[in-house]
Amino acid sequence: MLTSNIAIPSFLSAWVRPAIVVLLVPAVCLCSSDTVLLHGRVYTGNDTLPHAEAISISGGLIDAIGTDREISARKDAKTKVIDLQGRTVIPGIVDAHTHMWFGGLALRGFNFSTPELRIGSDQPDVLVAKIKEYAAKHPRDPVLFGRAGFSVARGSSATRQLLDRAVPNRPVVIHGTTEHNLWVNTKALEMAHITDEPVADPVEEKYVVRDAAGHPTGVLIDPAMQLIARALPKEPLEARMEVLKNAASFLNSYGVTSVINATGDLAEMEAYAALRDRGLLTIRTKTAFGAVSTNHHLTPQFLADLEKARTMYHDDWVSANLIKFFADGAGTTAAQFEPAADGTKTDPWYKPEDFQKIVTELDRRGYQVMTHAIGDAAAHMVLDAYEQVEKANGARDRRLRMTHIFSLTPDDLLRLVRLSVVPDMQPAFCCSISLPHRTHRWQTLEKEGAPLAFSSDWPCSWPPDPFAGIQEAVTRQSRGRGGDASAKAEYFLPEERVSVEQALKSYTQASAYARFSEKQIGTLEPGKAADLVVLSQDLLTVPHDQIAGTRAVMTMVGGRVVYETKAR
């Protein structure tokens, strides 16, 4: 008899304790399946049956998992048979923090910050030549988008005049690798009506970088980026669909089958729904309302948009009911308790009482909340608000989230666990050199029972490779920020390393839990979605320093192959 555990989030039983349901499937079965995968090494993630040889699938769901003999009994002449040839199969990767729209723009435009190519403002002649080359190949694009590294400091080489040398007659908008700054040319400034005069919003004006004479340099940081975002021509639905379809395919190639988009709006959700309705969506999406470093306000329009999204988008493929806040920025705009080396100090974006009020009201309405907090001061403010939310609105399964949290004070780490907050962290960003003893406390969070979710924050890390992330989590060896594979590798707090299985569960089960989807995805079990990845090597057994060499050979979402290498 084949015994399988059904739809049980078997990870971290200290904080999830569902009843156990057992399904007994006869070894010889009169039923047939749509697809069977045989002769593999299946890691299910289900502690009751962690390893198997084969899987059967029907109607996009897993029928059974077991031995080759047991699963072979479920095939007939119409069954598609996939010979795994001894390869390892894992649950589909659930990336707990992406920005698919920004990633899709980087795929459509020019990208000068990848492991293969790095060109920034410190290479002006090369940069200008490359942008000119790109512009010549895209003469009909009204706005040229790119991604590159550049300094945001006043007096840096990142100026509008430099981009004007490349393209003087069309707006050029370059996203910084953190997505917390933009670099634009004069035409883009004109499009956004950014002149020598201060812009209307004093918060946005504060982050418009100007030279000593008050002229805008072309660099816009955090809130000021919205000046450009509002001025951009609206992409038609078909164009939005194409950008997001390509983004989904790119994620599929890394074994990603589900995402939580940490920024988004109704227009983005509309495009996902259109792709779903045409059978073209190859990734499960949950999308948060929010724009980078932009404060929310409880306006009638904002509340109406939230309710519209929640009413319209709530299935396995397109889901909303999530709101993203930014408690601070990144780098020099991260809110730390201690001043920077130059004596400057950055506070959280919100006044604590304002943040607490708006989060409490949105929680009262039943929305899930996630908050970006890089600095320890921002994290402290967020935890204060989350603590008050439960006191004000009572206990419920709200799964409040915090993302990044480069550092936590020891007391706040324990408070995060006590409040059942879901920490969403990115191995690619390990670790904070300025706070070496408090940074990215993964093993401590695991031991305390936190549902530690891992993610890429793509395109802020490039590429969105979970296997490189697993290696970084297991070794605590940073492989370089922003795709800089040549950067000197450093080890940080080796006692905070996690095991390969812990890291894999953070990329699957815990991330599924973060999106309220642990009953549908995250493990390979009968009754769950057939979301899985076939790997080029067994990442559970290869040496730790070789895990990053793992590749997705085949990715399946809902029983459909959405990515496959030519030679398998």
Protein backbone atom coordinates (compact mmCIF):
# COMPACT_ATOMS: atom_id res chain seq x y z
CA MET A 1 0.00 0.00 0.00
CA LEU A 2 1.14 3.59 -0.74
CA THR A 3 0.63 5.88 2.23
CA SER A 4 0.67 9.63 1.68
CA ASN A 5 0.03 12.66 3.82
CA ILE A 6 -2.44 15.10 2.18
CA ALA A 7 -2.08 18.88 2.08
CA ILE A 8 -0.28 19.20 5.40
CA PRO A 9 2.16 22.09 5.89
CA SER A 10 4.65 19.75 7.54
CA PHE A 11 7.38 22.35 8.08
CA LEU A 12 8.00 24.03 11.40
CA SER A 13 5.41 22.08 13.38
CA ALA A 14 6.09 24.34 16.36
CA TRP A 15 4.01 27.06 14.75
CA VAL A 16 1.65 25.07 12.49
CA ARG A 17 -0.05 22.01 13.98
CA PRO A 18 -2.76 20.78 11.60
CA ALA A 19 -4.58 17.49 12.00
CA ILE A 20 -2.99 14.62 10.08
CA VAL A 21 -5.00 13.08 7.27
CA VAL A 22 -3.82 9.85 5.64
CA LEU A 23 -4.72 8.57 2.19
CA LEU A 24 -4.24 4.91 1.38
CA VAL A 25 -3.73 4.24 -2.32
CA PRO A 26 -3.69 0.62 -3.54
CA ALA A 27 -0.42 -0.54 -5.07
CA VAL A 28 -2.47 -1.78 -8.02
CA CYS A 29 -4.92 0.89 -9.11
CA LEU A 30 -7.77 0.72 -11.63
CA CYS A 31 -7.60 4.50 -12.19
CA SER A 32 -5.31 6.18 -14.73
CA SER A 33 -3.43 9.48 -14.58
CA ASP A 34 -2.80 12.19 -17.14
CA THR A 35 0.97 12.21 -16.53
CA VAL A 36 3.43 10.08 -14.62
CA LEU A 37 7.04 10.90 -13.82
CA LEU A 38 9.13 7.78 -13.23
CA HIS A 39 12.67 6.77 -12.25
CA GLY A 40 13.54 9.86 -10.25
CA ARG A 41 14.70 10.97 -6.82
CA VAL A 42 11.73 12.90 -5.50
CA TYR A 43 12.15 15.19 -2.51
CA THR A 44 8.58 15.88 -1.39
CA GLY A 45 9.17 18.21 1.56
CA ASN A 46 6.58 16.12 3.41
CA ASP A 47 8.15 14.69 6.56
CA THR A 48 5.79 11.70 6.49
CA LEU A 49 7.07 10.59 3.08
CA PRO A 50 10.16 12.73 2.35
CA HIS A 51 11.56 10.69 -0.56
CA ALA A 52 10.04 8.74 -3.42
CA GLU A 53 10.75 7.58 -6.98
CA ALA A 54 7.73 8.66 -8.97
CA ILE A 55 4.73 11.00 -9.19
CA SER A 56 1.36 10.79 -10.95
CA ILE A 57 -0.66 13.84 -11.97
CA SER A 58 -4.23 14.44 -13.16
CA GLY A 59 -6.12 17.66 -13.75
CA GLY A 60 -3.14 19.73 -12.63
CA LEU A 61 -3.02 18.05 -9.21
CA ILE A 62 -0.81 15.33 -7.78
CA ASP A 63 -2.61 11.96 -7.63
CA ALA A 64 -0.02 9.94 -5.81
CA ILE A 65 3.65 9.73 -4.92
CA GLY A 66 5.52 6.48 -4.41
CA THR A 67 7.66 3.83 -6.04
CA ASP A 68 8.02 3.32 -9.78
CA ARG A 69 5.90 0.15 -9.50
CA GLU A 70 3.11 1.87 -7.62
CA ILE A 71 2.95 4.86 -9.94
CA SER A 72 3.34 2.79 -13.14
CA ALA A 73 0.09 1.05 -12.19
CA ARG A 74 -1.67 4.40 -12.75
CA LYS A 75 -0.82 4.76 -16.45
CA ASP A 76 -2.66 3.62 -19.53
CA ALA A 77 -2.26 4.20 -23.28
CA LYS A 78 -3.24 7.89 -22.96
CA THR A 79 -0.95 8.69 -20.05
CA LYS A 80 2.05 10.90 -20.76
CA VAL A 81 5.17 9.25 -19.36
CA ILE A 82 8.19 11.33 -18.38
CA ASP A 83 11.37 9.38 -17.65
CA LEU A 84 13.30 11.37 -15.05
CA GLN A 85 16.45 9.31 -15.70
CA GLY A 86 17.45 9.41 -12.06
CA ARG A 87 17.18 13.18 -11.73
CA THR A 88 16.10 14.93 -8.55
CA VAL A 89 12.65 16.52 -8.30
CA ILE A 90 11.75 19.19 -5.75
CA PRO A 91 8.62 21.27 -5.08
CA GLY A 92 8.31 24.36 -7.24
CA ILE A 93 10.14 27.40 -5.89
CA VAL A 94 7.85 29.95 -4.25
CA ASP A 95 9.68 33.28 -4.44
CA ALA A 96 8.33 35.30 -1.50
CA HIS A 97 9.41 38.71 -2.83
CA THR A 98 9.68 39.76 -6.48
CA HIS A 99 8.90 42.76 -8.66
CA MET A 100 7.87 41.13 -11.92
CA TRP A 101 7.05 44.40 -13.66
CA PHE A 102 10.50 45.87 -13.00
CA GLY A 103 12.12 42.57 -13.92
CA GLY A 104 10.15 42.45 -17.16
CA LEU A 105 11.23 46.01 -18.02
CA ALA A 106 14.86 45.00 -17.46
CA LEU A 107 14.38 42.05 -19.82
CA ARG A 108 12.80 44.28 -22.45
CA GLY A 109 15.32 47.09 -22.09
CA PHE A 110 19.09 47.15 -21.62
CA ASN A 111 20.57 45.57 -18.51
CA PHE A 112 24.13 46.51 -17.61
CA SER A 113 24.24 44.82 -14.20
CA THR A 114 24.37 41.06 -14.60
CA PRO A 115 27.03 38.44 -13.82
CA GLU A 116 27.99 38.57 -17.50
CA LEU A 117 27.98 42.33 -18.05
CA ARG A 118 28.66 45.22 -15.71
CA ILE A 119 28.71 48.76 -17.06
CA GLY A 120 27.98 51.72 -14.81
CA SER A 121 28.37 55.46 -14.59
CA ASP A 122 32.06 54.97 -13.80
CA GLN A 123 32.58 53.83 -17.43
CA PRO A 124 31.00 56.82 -19.21
CA ASP A 125 32.27 56.25 -22.75
CA VAL A 126 31.39 52.55 -22.77
CA LEU A 127 27.99 53.30 -21.25
CA VAL A 128 27.16 55.97 -23.82
CA ALA A 129 28.19 53.72 -26.70
CA LYS A 130 26.06 50.83 -25.44
CA ILE A 131 22.99 52.99 -24.90
CA LYS A 132 23.40 54.53 -28.37
CA GLU A 133 23.58 51.04 -29.82
CA TYR A 134 20.43 49.99 -27.98
CA ALA A 135 18.54 53.17 -28.99
CA ALA A 136 19.39 52.62 -32.65
CA LYS A 137 17.89 49.13 -32.50
CA HIS A 138 14.68 50.40 -30.86
CA PRO A 139 13.75 53.52 -32.85
CA ARG A 140 10.02 53.28 -32.07
CA ASP A 141 10.25 53.04 -28.28
CA PRO A 142 8.91 56.33 -26.86
CA VAL A 143 10.85 55.78 -23.61
CA LEU A 144 14.06 53.77 -23.27
CA PHE A 145 14.35 51.70 -20.10
CA GLY A 146 17.55 50.27 -18.64
CA ARG A 147 19.16 48.89 -15.51
CA ALA A 148 22.66 49.78 -14.29
CA GLY A 149 24.72 50.61 -11.25
CA PHE A 150 25.46 54.26 -10.47
CA SER A 151 26.28 56.50 -7.55
CA VAL A 152 23.50 58.70 -6.17
CA ALA A 153 25.88 61.11 -4.45
CA ARG A 154 25.95 64.72 -5.54
CA GLY A 155 28.96 65.24 -7.79
CA SER A 156 29.01 61.67 -9.09
CA SER A 157 29.41 60.86 -12.78
CA ALA A 158 25.72 59.87 -13.01
CA THR A 159 24.35 63.02 -14.66
CA ARG A 160 21.60 63.81 -17.14
CA GLN A 161 24.24 65.34 -19.43
CA LEU A 162 26.01 62.00 -19.71
CA LEU A 163 22.80 60.26 -20.79
CA ASP A 164 22.05 63.16 -23.17
CA ARG A 165 25.25 62.26 -25.01
CA ALA A 166 23.68 58.88 -25.75
CA VAL A 167 20.05 59.87 -26.40
CA PRO A 168 19.16 63.57 -26.51
CA ASN A 169 15.73 63.31 -28.15
CA ARG A 170 13.86 60.61 -26.15
CA PRO A 171 13.41 59.99 -22.41
CA VAL A 172 15.92 57.53 -20.94
CA VAL A 173 15.03 55.98 -17.58
CA ILE A 174 17.66 53.80 -15.90
CA HIS A 175 16.67 51.82 -12.82
CA GLY A 176 19.33 51.45 -10.15
CA THR A 177 20.08 47.88 -9.12
CA THR A 178 18.29 48.32 -5.77
CA GLU A 179 15.18 49.82 -7.44
CA HIS A 180 15.51 52.65 -4.91
CA ASN A 181 16.85 55.19 -7.39
CA LEU A 182 16.51 56.29 -11.00
CA TRP A 183 18.92 58.00 -13.36
CA VAL A 184 17.32 59.89 -16.23
CA ASN A 185 18.24 62.22 -19.07
CA THR A 186 16.99 65.77 -19.73
CA LYS A 187 14.05 64.60 -21.85
CA ALA A 188 12.82 62.43 -18.98
CA LEU A 189 13.12 65.37 -16.56
CA GLU A 190 11.10 67.50 -18.97
CA MET A 191 8.49 64.75 -19.29
CA ALA A 192 8.09 64.78 -15.49
CA HIS A 193 8.22 68.63 -15.26
CA ILE A 194 11.28 68.52 -13.01
CA THR A 195 13.00 71.89 -13.35
CA ASP A 196 15.19 74.18 -11.29
CA GLU A 197 12.12 75.02 -9.23
CA PRO A 198 11.23 72.73 -6.31
CA VAL A 199 8.56 70.14 -7.07
CA ALA A 200 5.18 70.44 -5.36
CA ASP A 201 5.59 67.63 -2.83
CA PRO A 202 8.29 68.52 -0.25
CA VAL A 203 8.96 64.84 0.51
CA GLU A 204 9.61 64.11 -3.17
CA GLU A 205 11.65 67.30 -3.53
CA LYS A 206 13.92 66.19 -0.68
CA TYR A 207 15.07 63.25 -2.80
CA VAL A 208 15.60 65.04 -6.10
CA VAL A 209 19.38 65.20 -6.34
CA ARG A 210 20.47 68.70 -7.38
CA ASP A 211 23.88 70.19 -8.02
CA ALA A 212 25.32 73.14 -6.10
CA ALA A 213 23.44 75.58 -8.31
CA GLY A 214 20.09 73.85 -7.74
CA HIS A 215 19.84 72.17 -11.14
CA PRO A 216 18.49 68.56 -11.14
CA THR A 217 21.34 66.15 -11.87
CA GLY A 218 19.06 63.43 -13.27
CA VAL A 219 19.28 61.21 -10.18
CA LEU A 220 16.08 60.62 -8.21
CA ILE A 221 16.05 58.68 -4.95
CA ASP A 222 13.21 56.77 -3.25
CA PRO A 223 10.03 58.97 -3.08
CA ALA A 224 11.24 61.22 -5.92
CA MET A 225 11.06 58.26 -8.32
CA GLN A 226 7.28 58.67 -8.35
CA LEU A 227 7.72 61.91 -10.31
CA ILE A 228 8.91 59.81 -13.24
CA ALA A 229 6.47 56.95 -12.61
CA ARG A 230 3.47 59.28 -12.82
CA ALA A 231 4.76 60.93 -15.99
CA LEU A 232 5.40 57.73 -17.97
CA PRO A 233 2.87 56.99 -20.72
CA LYS A 234 0.53 54.19 -19.69
CA GLU A 235 1.42 50.90 -21.31
CA PRO A 236 -1.54 49.35 -23.22
CA LEU A 237 -2.81 46.04 -21.92
CA GLU A 238 -1.17 43.95 -24.65
CA ALA A 239 2.22 45.55 -23.93
CA ARG A 240 1.84 44.95 -20.19
CA MET A 241 0.93 41.34 -20.87
CA GLU A 242 4.01 40.83 -23.02
CA VAL A 243 6.33 42.31 -20.37
CA LEU A 244 4.87 40.11 -17.62
CA LYS A 245 4.67 36.99 -19.80
CA ASN A 246 8.42 37.28 -20.49
CA ALA A 247 9.10 37.90 -16.81
CA ALA A 248 7.17 34.76 -15.87
CA SER A 249 9.07 32.66 -18.44
CA PHE A 250 12.37 33.96 -17.10
CA LEU A 251 11.39 33.02 -13.54
CA ASN A 252 10.22 29.59 -14.72
CA SER A 253 13.69 28.95 -16.12
CA TYR A 254 15.00 29.14 -12.53
CA GLY A 255 12.39 26.74 -11.19
CA VAL A 256 10.10 29.46 -9.84
CA THR A 257 6.44 28.47 -9.99
CA SER A 258 4.82 31.02 -7.63
CA VAL A 259 5.66 34.56 -6.58
CA ILE A 260 4.62 37.30 -4.22
CA ASN A 261 5.03 40.62 -5.98
CA ALA A 262 6.06 43.19 -3.40
CA THR A 263 4.87 46.16 -5.47
CA GLY A 264 1.97 46.50 -7.86
CA ASP A 265 -1.36 48.09 -8.76
CA LEU A 266 -4.65 47.33 -10.50
CA ALA A 267 -3.11 47.71 -13.97
CA GLU A 268 -0.53 45.00 -13.23
CA MET A 269 -3.15 42.67 -11.78
CA GLU A 270 -5.35 43.24 -14.82
CA ALA A 271 -2.51 42.02 -17.05
CA TYR A 272 -2.00 38.86 -14.99
CA ALA A 273 -5.72 38.14 -15.18
CA ALA A 274 -5.71 38.62 -18.96
CA LEU A 275 -2.80 36.20 -19.30
CA ARG A 276 -4.60 33.70 -17.07
CA ASP A 277 -7.79 33.96 -19.08
CA ARG A 278 -5.90 33.27 -22.31
CA GLY A 279 -4.03 30.32 -20.81
CA LEU A 280 -0.71 32.18 -21.02
CA LEU A 281 0.10 32.71 -17.34
CA THR A 282 2.84 30.28 -16.31
CA ILE A 283 3.35 31.40 -12.73
CA ARG A 284 1.05 31.82 -9.74
CA THR A 285 0.96 35.46 -8.62
CA LYS A 286 0.00 37.27 -5.47
CA THR A 287 0.53 40.99 -5.89
CA ALA A 288 0.77 43.66 -3.21
CA PHE A 289 -0.50 47.20 -3.53
CA GLY A 290 2.45 49.55 -3.17
CA ALA A 291 5.05 51.67 -4.94
CA VAL A 292 8.71 51.87 -3.94
CA SER A 293 9.26 54.13 -0.91
CA THR A 294 5.81 55.69 -1.19
CA ASN A 295 3.64 56.17 1.87
CA HIS A 296 0.05 54.96 1.87
CA HIS A 297 -2.85 57.17 2.90
CA LEU A 298 -6.39 56.04 3.69
CA THR A 299 -8.00 57.96 0.85
CA PRO A 300 -11.35 56.85 -0.60
CA GLN A 301 -9.67 56.01 -3.91
CA PHE A 302 -6.97 53.89 -2.25
CA LEU A 303 -9.55 51.95 -0.22
CA ALA A 304 -11.76 51.49 -3.29
CA ASP A 305 -8.83 50.12 -5.32
CA LEU A 306 -7.95 47.70 -2.53
CA GLU A 307 -11.49 46.41 -2.33
CA LYS A 308 -11.78 46.11 -6.10
CA ALA A 309 -8.58 44.06 -6.25
CA ARG A 310 -9.67 41.80 -3.40
CA THR A 311 -13.09 41.26 -4.99
CA MET A 312 -11.75 40.56 -8.49
CA TYR A 313 -8.50 38.67 -7.84
CA HIS A 314 -8.57 35.80 -5.37
CA ASP A 315 -7.83 32.55 -7.18
CA ASP A 316 -4.75 30.32 -7.34
CA TRP A 317 -3.28 32.26 -10.27
CA VAL A 318 -4.04 35.92 -9.61
CA SER A 319 -4.45 37.02 -6.03
CA ALA A 320 -4.46 40.34 -4.17
CA ASN A 321 -5.51 41.23 -0.57
CA LEU A 322 -1.94 42.27 0.28
CA ILE A 323 -0.53 45.74 0.98
CA LYS A 324 3.15 46.70 0.95
CA PHE A 325 4.60 49.43 3.15
CA PHE A 326 8.09 50.94 3.16
CA ALA A 327 9.31 51.81 6.64
CA ASP A 328 12.65 53.04 5.27
CA GLY A 329 14.71 53.04 2.09
CA ALA A 330 17.97 51.32 1.23
CA GLY A 331 21.64 52.07 1.82
CA THR A 332 21.94 55.63 3.11
CA THR A 333 18.16 55.89 3.55
CA ALA A 334 17.88 52.81 5.81
CA ALA A 335 16.73 53.81 9.30
CA GLN A 336 19.33 52.75 11.89
CA PHE A 337 19.50 53.38 15.59
CA GLU A 338 23.15 54.41 15.26
CA PRO A 339 24.20 57.36 13.05
CA ALA A 340 26.28 56.67 9.95
CA ALA A 341 30.04 57.16 9.96
CA ASP A 342 29.59 60.74 8.73
CA GLY A 343 27.22 61.51 11.61
CA THR A 344 24.00 61.51 9.61
CA LYS A 345 21.00 59.63 10.91
CA THR A 346 17.97 58.42 8.96
CA ASP A 347 14.58 57.94 10.59
CA PRO A 348 11.74 55.68 9.38
CA TRP A 349 9.57 57.03 6.55
CA TYR A 350 6.46 57.13 8.73
CA LYS A 351 5.74 58.76 12.05
CA PRO A 352 5.17 55.77 14.36
CA GLU A 353 1.65 56.88 15.33
CA ASP A 354 0.66 57.34 11.66
CA PHE A 355 2.00 53.95 10.66
CA GLN A 356 0.25 52.24 13.55
CA LYS A 357 -3.06 53.93 12.73
CA ILE A 358 -3.11 52.99 9.04
CA VAL A 359 -1.91 49.41 9.57
CA THR A 360 -4.48 48.86 12.32
CA GLU A 361 -7.30 50.07 10.09
CA LEU A 362 -6.23 47.98 7.11
CA ASP A 363 -5.85 44.93 9.33
CA ARG A 364 -9.35 45.58 10.72
CA ARG A 365 -10.60 45.36 7.13
CA GLY A 366 -8.93 41.98 6.74
CA TYR A 367 -5.95 42.84 4.54
CA GLN A 368 -2.56 41.19 4.89
CA VAL A 369 0.31 43.61 5.47
CA MET A 370 3.98 43.34 4.55
CA THR A 371 6.57 45.99 5.38
CA HIS A 372 10.02 46.74 4.00
CA ALA A 373 12.40 47.43 6.89
CA ILE A 374 16.13 47.31 6.31
CA GLY A 375 17.43 49.20 9.33
CA ASP A 376 16.95 48.15 12.94
CA ALA A 377 15.17 51.42 13.83
CA ALA A 378 12.61 50.84 11.08
CA ALA A 379 12.14 47.22 12.17
CA HIS A 380 11.55 48.36 15.74
CA MET A 381 8.85 50.80 14.63
CA VAL A 382 7.13 48.13 12.54
CA LEU A 383 7.10 45.61 15.39
CA ASP A 384 5.67 48.25 17.72
CA ALA A 385 2.80 48.76 15.26
CA TYR A 386 2.25 45.04 14.66
CA GLU A 387 2.08 44.45 18.41
CA GLN A 388 -0.60 47.11 18.77
CA VAL A 389 -2.57 45.70 15.82
CA GLU A 390 -3.24 42.45 17.65
CA LYS A 391 -4.19 44.28 20.84
CA ALA A 392 -6.60 46.51 18.92
CA ASN A 393 -8.15 43.96 16.55
CA GLY A 394 -7.80 40.70 18.45
CA ALA A 395 -6.11 37.45 17.58
CA ARG A 396 -6.48 35.95 14.09
CA ASP A 397 -4.36 34.27 11.45
CA ARG A 398 -3.06 37.50 9.90
CA ARG A 399 0.52 36.49 8.92
CA LEU A 400 1.97 39.98 9.15
CA ARG A 401 5.23 40.12 7.23
CA MET A 402 8.53 41.97 7.40
CA THR A 403 10.90 41.94 4.49
CA HIS A 404 14.70 42.38 4.31
CA ILE A 405 15.32 43.14 8.03
CA PHE A 406 19.07 43.25 7.58
CA SER A 407 19.43 43.66 11.32
CA LEU A 408 17.33 43.18 14.44
CA THR A 409 18.16 43.91 18.03
CA PRO A 410 18.13 40.71 20.14
CA ASP A 411 14.91 41.80 21.86
CA ASP A 412 13.19 42.58 18.57
CA LEU A 413 14.19 39.24 17.08
CA LEU A 414 12.41 37.46 19.92
CA ARG A 415 9.46 39.84 19.64
CA LEU A 416 9.14 39.07 15.93
CA VAL A 417 8.88 35.37 16.77
CA ARG A 418 6.42 35.96 19.60
CA LEU A 419 4.15 37.98 17.31
CA SER A 420 4.27 35.21 14.63
CA VAL A 421 5.57 37.69 12.06
CA VAL A 422 6.78 36.08 8.82
CA PRO A 423 10.38 37.21 8.09
CA ASP A 424 11.11 37.40 4.36
CA MET A 425 14.84 37.58 3.67
CA GLN A 426 17.14 37.38 0.65
CA PRO A 427 20.31 35.26 0.83
CA ALA A 428 21.73 37.31 -2.07
CA PHE A 429 21.87 40.35 0.24
CA CYS A 430 23.74 38.70 3.09
CA CYS A 431 25.12 40.47 5.00
CA SER A 432 25.22 43.92 6.57
CA ILE A 433 28.87 44.81 7.06
CA SER A 434 27.94 47.79 9.25
CA LEU A 435 26.20 45.50 11.77
CA PRO A 436 28.28 42.31 11.60
CA HIS A 437 26.95 40.75 14.80
CA ARG A 438 23.24 41.33 14.18
CA THR A 439 22.90 40.63 10.49
CA HIS A 440 20.63 38.04 8.85
CA ARG A 441 20.14 35.76 11.85
CA TRP A 442 18.72 32.85 9.86
CA GLN A 443 19.60 29.92 12.10
CA THR A 444 18.53 31.81 15.20
CA LEU A 445 15.16 32.58 13.60
CA GLU A 446 14.79 28.91 12.60
CA LYS A 447 15.58 27.68 16.10
CA GLU A 448 13.13 30.12 17.64
CA GLY A 449 10.40 28.79 15.33
CA ALA A 450 9.94 31.67 12.89
CA PRO A 451 8.51 30.76 9.43
CA LEU A 452 11.62 32.03 7.63
CA ALA A 453 10.80 32.71 3.97
CA PHE A 454 13.52 33.18 1.36
CA SER A 455 13.23 35.22 -1.83
CA SER A 456 15.19 36.96 -4.57
CA ASP A 457 13.72 40.49 -4.59
CA TRP A 458 14.23 40.19 -8.36
CA PRO A 459 15.36 42.28 -10.21
CA CYS A 460 17.22 43.76 -7.21
CA SER A 461 19.25 40.56 -7.28
CA TRP A 462 20.08 39.22 -10.73
CA PRO A 463 19.34 36.57 -11.75
CA PRO A 464 16.52 35.27 -9.47
CA ASP A 465 18.43 32.04 -8.86
CA PRO A 466 17.17 30.14 -5.80
CA PHE A 467 19.99 27.61 -6.02
CA ALA A 468 22.63 30.29 -5.71
CA GLY A 469 20.56 31.59 -2.80
CA ILE A 470 20.56 28.18 -1.14
CA GLN A 471 24.35 28.01 -1.45
CA GLU A 472 24.68 31.48 0.11
CA ALA A 473 22.35 30.52 2.95
CA VAL A 474 24.20 27.27 3.61
CA THR A 475 27.73 28.73 3.44
CA ARG A 476 27.05 32.32 4.62
CA GLN A 477 29.40 33.33 1.85
CA SER A 478 28.35 36.44 -0.03
CA ARG A 479 28.82 36.08 -3.79
CA GLY A 480 28.58 39.80 -4.51
CA ARG A 481 25.74 42.31 -4.68
CA GLY A 482 23.71 43.12 -7.76
CA GLY A 483 25.14 40.35 -9.89
CA ASP A 484 28.77 41.23 -9.27
CA ALA A 485 30.15 37.69 -9.44
CA SER A 486 33.69 39.06 -9.42
CA ALA A 487 33.29 40.66 -5.98
CA LYS A 488 35.44 39.20 -3.24
CA ALA A 489 33.53 36.48 -1.39
CA GLU A 490 33.23 36.95 2.35
CA TYR A 491 31.91 34.74 5.14
CA PHE A 492 29.54 36.15 7.78
CA LEU A 493 28.52 34.63 11.12
CA PRO A 494 29.00 30.97 10.19
CA GLU A 495 26.91 29.96 13.22
CA GLU A 496 23.90 31.44 11.37
CA ARG A 497 24.22 29.01 8.46
CA VAL A 498 21.21 26.83 7.72
CA SER A 499 21.10 23.32 6.29
CA VAL A 500 20.30 22.67 2.65
CA GLU A 501 16.92 21.24 3.62
CA GLN A 502 16.16 24.25 5.82
CA ALA A 503 17.00 26.62 2.97
CA LEU A 504 14.93 24.60 0.51
CA LYS A 505 11.93 24.70 2.85
CA SER A 506 12.37 28.47 3.17
CA TYR A 507 12.12 28.73 -0.63
CA THR A 508 9.05 26.47 -0.78
CA GLN A 509 6.98 25.72 2.32
CA ALA A 510 7.59 28.87 4.35
CA SER A 511 7.10 31.08 1.30
CA ALA A 512 3.85 29.25 0.49
CA TYR A 513 2.76 29.89 4.07
CA ALA A 514 3.61 33.60 3.67
CA ARG A 515 1.04 33.82 0.85
CA PHE A 516 -1.65 31.69 2.61
CA SER A 517 -1.11 28.93 0.04
CA GLU A 518 0.42 26.10 2.04
CA LYS A 519 -2.61 23.87 1.39
CA GLN A 520 -2.10 24.16 -2.37
CA ILE A 521 1.67 24.44 -2.94
CA GLY A 522 5.04 24.20 -1.19
CA THR A 523 5.31 20.41 -0.91
CA LEU A 524 4.68 17.48 -3.24
CA GLU A 525 1.66 15.64 -1.83
CA PRO A 526 -1.55 14.10 -3.21
CA GLY A 527 -4.21 16.76 -3.61
CA LYS A 528 -1.76 19.63 -4.04
CA ALA A 529 -0.90 21.45 -7.24
CA ALA A 530 1.58 19.69 -9.51
CA ASP A 531 4.16 22.48 -9.26
CA LEU A 532 7.63 20.95 -9.40
CA VAL A 533 11.17 21.32 -10.69
CA VAL A 534 13.46 18.68 -12.18
CA LEU A 535 17.09 19.50 -11.36
CA SER A 536 20.38 19.01 -13.15
CA GLN A 537 21.97 17.64 -9.96
CA ASP A 538 20.92 16.59 -6.47
CA LEU A 539 21.44 19.76 -4.45
CA LEU A 540 20.82 17.80 -1.24
CA THR A 541 23.98 15.72 -1.74
CA VAL A 542 26.45 17.78 -3.79
CA PRO A 543 29.20 19.67 -1.93
CA HIS A 544 27.91 22.95 -0.55
CA ASP A 545 30.19 25.04 -2.72
CA GLN A 546 28.66 23.41 -5.83
CA ILE A 547 24.97 23.98 -5.06
CA ALA A 548 24.89 27.19 -7.12
CA GLY A 549 25.70 25.08 -10.19
CA THR A 550 22.25 23.48 -9.99
CA ARG A 551 19.97 24.27 -12.92
CA ALA A 552 16.29 23.72 -13.59
CA VAL A 553 16.00 21.07 -16.29
CA MET A 554 12.21 21.13 -16.35
CA THR A 555 9.65 23.28 -14.54
CA MET A 556 6.03 22.23 -14.24
CA VAL A 557 3.16 24.43 -13.01
CA GLY A 558 -0.26 22.90 -12.50
CA GLY A 559 0.85 19.74 -14.29
CA ARG A 560 1.91 21.69 -17.40
CA VAL A 561 5.54 21.91 -18.51
CA VAL A 562 6.33 25.62 -18.69
CA TYR A 563 10.09 25.35 -19.08
CA GLU A 564 12.36 22.61 -20.36
CA THR A 565 15.93 22.53 -21.55
CA LYS A 566 16.50 21.08 -24.98
CA ALA A 567 18.63 18.22 -23.69
CA ARG A 568 17.21 16.46 -20.66
